[in-house]
Amino acid sequence: MEEYDIFISYRRVGGADFARQMQLALKTIGYKVFLDFDELKDGVFDRRIEMAINHSKVFLFVLSPHALDRCKNEDDWVRREIACALISKCHIVPVSPHVAFEGFDDIEGLPYFIKNGLGQHQVSTVMMNDLFECTFEEFVRKRIANVVSPHQQALKDEVKEGCEVHIETDIPCYVFRFKERLIIAQPNDDNLIYLKKGS
């Protein structure tokens, strides 16, 4: 089974667009992300999901409106993903798009293990509008980068000819190539960029 940096769990109704936006942004800066839209091509759905959670360092849960309402049902898939993440000892990171989440206590019938398991973690907010970039960067810096650093092995594997650039910095900084942001270089990290020949 492949190893992932981040597993994104979400309720399809109300959370799919945000989950996809987060996946693309995280992949752009070098994280290996599991999102069931892309990763599940065949095989047994529930077994693949459980294995992906067990092989992920971070379990990012999208707290979109009503995402937890159906978790009172034992066969609810979101409930099963949360339970699996708690058992597997993933680093749990709840994130609310647009400050939409109002609190665990307001959800009728929410099992204690979810209320306690998710509720003990700080809920972050990432906006989906013009503020996405700055709120996303702060979210990664505060909640993700201290658990797992971004890497660009996937980009390296794609490069046939070119060069490897190492960046050392004492403050977080953006690295651009022709106005396209490649990574956010972090202090005390091995910040790498792989450039194709001619770029």
Protein backbone atom coordinates (compact mmCIF):
# COMPACT_ATOMS: atom_id res chain seq x y z
CA MET A 1 0.00 0.00 0.00
CA GLU A 2 1.21 3.50 -0.86
CA GLU A 3 2.15 5.90 1.91
CA TYR A 4 0.36 9.26 2.00
CA ASP A 5 1.11 12.49 3.80
CA ILE A 6 -2.53 13.51 4.09
CA PHE A 7 -5.89 11.74 3.84
CA ILE A 8 -8.82 14.11 3.18
CA SER A 9 -12.15 13.00 4.62
CA TYR A 10 -15.30 14.91 3.68
CA ARG A 11 -19.05 14.68 3.18
CA ARG A 12 -19.74 14.74 -0.56
CA VAL A 13 -22.77 17.00 -0.19
CA GLY A 14 -21.38 20.36 0.86
CA GLY A 15 -17.74 19.33 1.16
CA ALA A 16 -16.61 17.96 -2.21
CA ASP A 17 -15.58 21.26 -3.83
CA PHE A 18 -13.58 22.34 -0.79
CA ALA A 19 -11.92 18.92 -0.48
CA ARG A 20 -10.86 19.07 -4.12
CA GLN A 21 -9.50 22.63 -3.74
CA MET A 22 -7.50 21.60 -0.67
CA GLN A 23 -6.15 18.51 -2.43
CA LEU A 24 -4.91 20.49 -5.43
CA ALA A 25 -3.33 23.19 -3.25
CA LEU A 26 -1.59 20.62 -1.03
CA LYS A 27 -0.29 18.64 -4.00
CA THR A 28 1.05 21.84 -5.59
CA ILE A 29 3.36 22.44 -2.63
CA GLY A 30 4.60 18.86 -2.55
CA TYR A 31 2.30 16.78 -0.34
CA LYS A 32 1.10 13.31 -1.29
CA VAL A 33 -2.66 13.46 -0.75
CA PHE A 34 -5.34 10.76 -0.79
CA LEU A 35 -8.74 11.91 -2.04
CA ASP A 36 -11.14 9.18 -3.06
CA PHE A 37 -12.19 10.97 -6.27
CA ASP A 38 -8.76 10.31 -7.77
CA GLU A 39 -7.25 7.41 -5.89
CA LEU A 40 -10.01 4.78 -6.01
CA LYS A 41 -10.07 3.20 -9.44
CA ASP A 42 -11.09 -0.35 -8.53
CA GLY A 43 -11.00 -2.86 -5.69
CA VAL A 44 -13.05 -2.99 -2.52
CA PHE A 45 -13.97 0.56 -1.54
CA ASP A 46 -14.00 0.24 2.22
CA ARG A 47 -10.78 -1.79 2.45
CA ARG A 48 -8.88 0.67 0.24
CA ILE A 49 -10.13 3.60 2.34
CA GLU A 50 -9.11 1.95 5.60
CA MET A 51 -5.68 1.08 4.24
CA ALA A 52 -5.16 4.62 2.95
CA ILE A 53 -6.04 6.09 6.38
CA ASN A 54 -3.71 3.62 8.10
CA HIS A 55 -0.89 4.67 5.74
CA SER A 56 -1.41 8.42 6.13
CA LYS A 57 0.33 10.74 8.60
CA VAL A 58 -2.43 13.37 8.71
CA PHE A 59 -6.21 12.87 8.67
CA LEU A 60 -7.69 16.14 7.42
CA PHE A 61 -11.42 16.27 8.12
CA VAL A 62 -13.57 18.83 6.27
CA LEU A 63 -16.13 20.25 8.70
CA SER A 64 -18.56 21.51 6.07
CA PRO A 65 -22.14 22.29 7.19
CA HIS A 66 -23.96 19.11 8.28
CA ALA A 67 -20.88 16.93 7.63
CA LEU A 68 -21.40 15.11 10.94
CA ASP A 69 -25.21 14.94 11.01
CA ARG A 70 -25.41 11.35 9.74
CA CYS A 71 -22.60 10.09 12.00
CA LYS A 72 -25.20 8.86 14.50
CA ASN A 73 -25.76 5.95 12.08
CA GLU A 74 -23.29 3.12 12.66
CA ASP A 75 -22.99 2.34 8.95
CA ASP A 76 -22.29 5.96 7.95
CA TRP A 77 -19.10 6.11 5.91
CA VAL A 78 -17.80 9.40 7.34
CA ARG A 79 -18.26 7.97 10.86
CA ARG A 80 -16.27 4.88 9.85
CA GLU A 81 -13.43 7.02 8.41
CA ILE A 82 -13.20 9.07 11.61
CA ALA A 83 -13.19 5.91 13.75
CA CYS A 84 -10.45 4.39 11.61
CA ALA A 85 -8.32 7.55 11.88
CA LEU A 86 -8.68 7.67 15.66
CA ILE A 87 -7.70 4.00 15.99
CA SER A 88 -4.75 4.34 13.61
CA LYS A 89 -3.36 7.30 15.61
CA CYS A 90 -3.26 9.65 12.60
CA HIS A 91 -2.65 13.29 13.40
CA ILE A 92 -6.20 14.69 13.27
CA VAL A 93 -6.72 18.11 11.66
CA PRO A 94 -10.33 19.39 11.44
CA VAL A 95 -10.76 22.27 9.01
CA SER A 96 -13.84 24.40 8.46
CA PRO A 97 -14.44 26.12 5.12
CA HIS A 98 -15.69 29.69 5.50
CA VAL A 99 -16.02 29.46 9.31
CA ALA A 100 -19.05 27.26 8.65
CA PHE A 101 -18.68 24.90 11.61
CA GLU A 102 -20.69 25.90 14.68
CA GLY A 103 -19.58 23.30 17.24
CA PHE A 104 -19.84 19.66 18.18
CA ASP A 105 -22.39 20.15 20.94
CA ASP A 106 -25.08 21.32 18.51
CA ILE A 107 -25.13 18.04 16.55
CA GLU A 108 -27.90 15.77 17.75
CA GLY A 109 -26.95 12.15 18.37
CA LEU A 110 -23.25 12.65 17.61
CA PRO A 111 -21.35 9.71 19.17
CA TYR A 112 -19.12 10.59 22.09
CA PHE A 113 -16.02 9.12 20.44
CA ILE A 114 -16.40 11.57 17.53
CA LYS A 115 -17.26 14.54 19.75
CA ASN A 116 -14.30 13.78 21.97
CA GLY A 117 -11.94 12.53 19.23
CA LEU A 118 -12.40 15.48 16.88
CA GLY A 119 -13.33 17.98 19.56
CA GLN A 120 -9.99 17.81 21.34
CA HIS A 121 -8.30 19.22 18.23
CA GLN A 122 -8.30 22.87 17.24
CA VAL A 123 -10.60 23.60 14.30
CA SER A 124 -8.86 25.63 11.59
CA THR A 125 -10.55 27.81 9.01
CA VAL A 126 -9.62 28.07 5.33
CA MET A 127 -11.67 30.37 3.12
CA MET A 128 -12.72 29.46 -0.42
CA ASN A 129 -12.89 32.98 -1.79
CA ASP A 130 -10.18 35.59 -2.42
CA LEU A 131 -8.74 34.81 1.01
CA PHE A 132 -8.01 31.17 0.14
CA GLU A 133 -4.31 31.64 -0.57
CA CYS A 134 -3.42 33.45 2.64
CA THR A 135 -5.65 31.33 4.90
CA PHE A 136 -4.40 28.13 3.24
CA GLU A 137 -0.75 29.11 3.73
CA GLU A 138 -1.30 29.92 7.39
CA PHE A 139 -3.17 26.63 7.83
CA VAL A 140 -0.32 24.61 6.31
CA ARG A 141 2.31 26.45 8.33
CA LYS A 142 0.50 26.04 11.66
CA ARG A 143 -1.26 22.69 11.31
CA ILE A 144 0.48 20.55 8.66
CA ALA A 145 4.14 21.50 8.18
CA ASN A 146 5.03 20.76 11.80
CA VAL A 147 3.74 17.19 11.38
CA VAL A 148 4.96 16.37 7.87
CA SER A 149 7.13 18.46 5.56
CA PRO A 150 6.21 18.84 1.90
CA HIS A 151 8.39 16.96 -0.52
CA GLN A 152 8.61 16.92 -4.27
CA GLN A 153 9.55 13.33 -4.99
CA ALA A 154 6.66 13.02 -7.43
CA LEU A 155 7.96 15.99 -9.38
CA LYS A 156 11.47 14.55 -9.30
CA ASP A 157 10.21 11.28 -10.76
CA GLU A 158 8.68 13.18 -13.69
CA VAL A 159 11.84 15.07 -14.55
CA LYS A 160 13.84 13.33 -17.29
CA GLU A 161 16.48 16.01 -17.79
CA GLY A 162 17.06 19.09 -15.72
CA CYS A 163 18.40 20.12 -12.36
CA GLU A 164 17.75 19.91 -8.66
CA VAL A 165 17.74 23.20 -6.73
CA HIS A 166 18.23 23.26 -2.94
CA ILE A 167 17.04 26.33 -1.07
CA GLU A 168 18.17 27.34 2.42
CA THR A 169 16.31 30.13 4.18
CA ASP A 170 16.00 31.58 7.67
CA ILE A 171 12.39 32.73 7.15
CA PRO A 172 9.44 31.20 5.22
CA CYS A 173 9.51 32.47 1.64
CA TYR A 174 7.84 31.90 -1.70
CA VAL A 175 9.81 30.49 -4.61
CA PHE A 176 8.57 31.50 -8.06
CA ARG A 177 9.43 30.54 -11.63
CA PHE A 178 8.06 32.87 -14.30
CA LYS A 179 5.38 34.18 -11.88
CA GLU A 180 4.28 30.62 -11.02
CA ARG A 181 4.72 29.81 -7.35
CA LEU A 182 6.55 26.51 -6.93
CA ILE A 183 6.85 26.06 -3.17
CA ILE A 184 6.86 27.83 0.17
CA ALA A 185 10.43 27.32 1.41
CA GLN A 186 10.59 26.76 5.16
CA PRO A 187 13.48 27.39 7.59
CA ASN A 188 15.42 24.28 8.65
CA ASP A 189 13.84 22.17 5.89
CA ASP A 190 15.42 20.60 2.84
CA ASN A 191 13.53 22.70 0.30
CA LEU A 192 13.93 21.19 -3.16
CA ILE A 193 12.79 22.23 -6.62
CA TYR A 194 13.20 20.04 -9.69
CA LEU A 195 13.39 21.98 -12.92
CA LYS A 196 13.04 20.40 -16.33
CA LYS A 197 15.65 21.12 -18.96
CA GLY A 198 15.12 24.54 -20.47
CA SER A 199 12.95 25.86 -17.65
